[in-house]
Amino acid sequence: MNQIVAMIMLVFMAVVGGGSTIAMVIGIPGMIIWKIYRKIRYGYKLTD
């Protein structure tokens, strides 16, 4: 019984960790590209 609970917890932690990793991998470059686009298109500062 303990092994089943441990496996369920392991799978849950893997899904949560993988989801946050994917969000960072997509989000950080997306934010940088969006800021560069706004700089070129509208002349906004990169730090805003």
N, C-alpha and C. Protein backbone atom coordinates (compact mmCIF):
# COMPACT_ATOMS: atom_id res chain seq x y z
N MET A 1 0.82 -1.20 0.00
CA MET A 1 0.00 0.00 0.00
C MET A 1 0.86 1.26 0.00
N ASN A 2 1.94 1.24 0.77
CA ASN A 2 2.82 2.40 0.82
C ASN A 2 3.46 2.68 -0.54
N GLN A 3 3.76 1.63 -1.28
CA GLN A 3 4.38 1.82 -2.59
C GLN A 3 3.42 2.47 -3.57
N ILE A 4 2.14 2.15 -3.48
CA ILE A 4 1.16 2.75 -4.37
C ILE A 4 1.04 4.24 -4.08
N VAL A 5 0.96 4.60 -2.82
CA VAL A 5 0.88 6.01 -2.44
C VAL A 5 2.15 6.74 -2.87
N ALA A 6 3.29 6.13 -2.69
CA ALA A 6 4.56 6.75 -3.09
C ALA A 6 4.61 6.95 -4.60
N MET A 7 4.12 6.00 -5.36
CA MET A 7 4.13 6.14 -6.82
C MET A 7 3.17 7.24 -7.27
N ILE A 8 2.01 7.34 -6.63
CA ILE A 8 1.05 8.39 -6.98
C ILE A 8 1.66 9.76 -6.66
N MET A 9 2.30 9.88 -5.52
CA MET A 9 2.95 11.15 -5.16
C MET A 9 4.07 11.49 -6.13
N LEU A 10 4.82 10.49 -6.54
CA LEU A 10 5.92 10.70 -7.48
C LEU A 10 5.40 11.21 -8.82
N VAL A 11 4.33 10.59 -9.31
CA VAL A 11 3.75 11.02 -10.58
C VAL A 11 3.20 12.44 -10.45
N PHE A 12 2.53 12.73 -9.36
CA PHE A 12 1.98 14.07 -9.14
C PHE A 12 3.09 15.13 -9.11
N MET A 13 4.15 14.87 -8.39
CA MET A 13 5.26 15.82 -8.32
C MET A 13 5.95 15.99 -9.66
N ALA A 14 6.04 14.92 -10.45
CA ALA A 14 6.63 15.02 -11.78
C ALA A 14 5.79 15.89 -12.70
N VAL A 15 4.46 15.74 -12.62
CA VAL A 15 3.57 16.56 -13.46
C VAL A 15 3.65 18.02 -13.05
N VAL A 16 3.64 18.30 -11.76
CA VAL A 16 3.71 19.69 -11.29
C VAL A 16 5.06 20.31 -11.67
N GLY A 17 6.13 19.60 -11.46
CA GLY A 17 7.46 20.13 -11.82
C GLY A 17 7.62 20.31 -13.31
N GLY A 18 7.12 19.36 -14.07
CA GLY A 18 7.21 19.47 -15.53
C GLY A 18 6.39 20.63 -16.06
N GLY A 19 5.21 20.83 -15.48
CA GLY A 19 4.36 21.94 -15.92
C GLY A 19 4.99 23.29 -15.67
N SER A 20 5.58 23.47 -14.50
CA SER A 20 6.22 24.76 -14.21
C SER A 20 7.46 24.97 -15.08
N THR A 21 8.18 23.90 -15.37
CA THR A 21 9.35 24.01 -16.24
C THR A 21 8.95 24.40 -17.65
N ILE A 22 7.91 23.79 -18.17
CA ILE A 22 7.43 24.13 -19.52
C ILE A 22 6.95 25.58 -19.56
N ALA A 23 6.27 26.01 -18.51
CA ALA A 23 5.80 27.40 -18.47
C ALA A 23 6.96 28.38 -18.51
N MET A 24 8.05 28.09 -17.80
CA MET A 24 9.22 28.98 -17.82
C MET A 24 9.93 28.93 -19.16
N VAL A 25 10.04 27.75 -19.75
CA VAL A 25 10.74 27.61 -21.03
C VAL A 25 10.01 28.37 -22.12
N ILE A 26 8.69 28.39 -22.08
CA ILE A 26 7.91 29.12 -23.08
C ILE A 26 7.77 30.59 -22.70
N GLY A 27 7.55 30.87 -21.42
CA GLY A 27 7.23 32.22 -20.98
C GLY A 27 8.37 33.21 -21.03
N ILE A 28 9.55 32.81 -20.60
CA ILE A 28 10.67 33.75 -20.55
C ILE A 28 11.10 34.20 -21.94
N PRO A 29 11.35 33.28 -22.89
CA PRO A 29 11.68 33.76 -24.25
C PRO A 29 10.53 34.53 -24.89
N GLY A 30 9.29 34.13 -24.61
CA GLY A 30 8.15 34.86 -25.14
C GLY A 30 8.11 36.30 -24.64
N MET A 31 8.39 36.50 -23.37
CA MET A 31 8.42 37.85 -22.80
C MET A 31 9.52 38.69 -23.44
N ILE A 32 10.69 38.10 -23.65
CA ILE A 32 11.81 38.83 -24.26
C ILE A 32 11.46 39.22 -25.69
N ILE A 33 10.89 38.28 -26.45
CA ILE A 33 10.50 38.57 -27.83
C ILE A 33 9.43 39.67 -27.86
N TRP A 34 8.45 39.60 -26.96
CA TRP A 34 7.40 40.61 -26.90
C TRP A 34 7.97 41.99 -26.59
N LYS A 35 8.93 42.07 -25.67
CA LYS A 35 9.53 43.35 -25.32
C LYS A 35 10.33 43.93 -26.49
N ILE A 36 11.04 43.07 -27.21
CA ILE A 36 11.80 43.53 -28.38
C ILE A 36 10.83 44.01 -29.46
N TYR A 37 9.74 43.30 -29.66
CA TYR A 37 8.73 43.71 -30.65
C TYR A 37 8.16 45.09 -30.30
N ARG A 38 7.80 45.30 -29.02
CA ARG A 38 7.27 46.59 -28.59
C ARG A 38 8.30 47.70 -28.75
N LYS A 39 9.57 47.38 -28.52
CA LYS A 39 10.64 48.37 -28.68
C LYS A 39 10.73 48.80 -30.14
N ILE A 40 10.71 47.83 -31.04
CA ILE A 40 10.84 48.14 -32.46
C ILE A 40 9.58 48.83 -32.98
N ARG A 41 8.42 48.32 -32.62
CA ARG A 41 7.16 48.81 -33.18
C ARG A 41 6.74 50.15 -32.60
N TYR A 42 6.81 50.28 -31.28
CA TYR A 42 6.26 51.47 -30.62
C TYR A 42 7.30 52.35 -29.93
N GLY A 43 8.53 51.89 -29.82
CA GLY A 43 9.59 52.68 -29.21
C GLY A 43 9.57 52.65 -27.69
N TYR A 44 8.85 51.70 -27.08
CA TYR A 44 8.83 51.59 -25.61
C TYR A 44 10.21 51.17 -25.10
N LYS A 45 10.44 51.49 -23.82
CA LYS A 45 11.67 51.04 -23.19
C LYS A 45 11.59 49.55 -22.93
N LEU A 46 12.73 48.87 -22.92
CA LEU A 46 12.75 47.44 -22.66
C LEU A 46 12.49 47.12 -21.20
N THR A 47 12.68 48.08 -20.31
CA THR A 47 12.54 47.83 -18.87
C THR A 47 11.12 48.06 -18.36
N ASP A 48 10.20 48.50 -19.21
CA ASP A 48 8.81 48.73 -18.74
C ASP A 48 7.97 47.48 -18.90
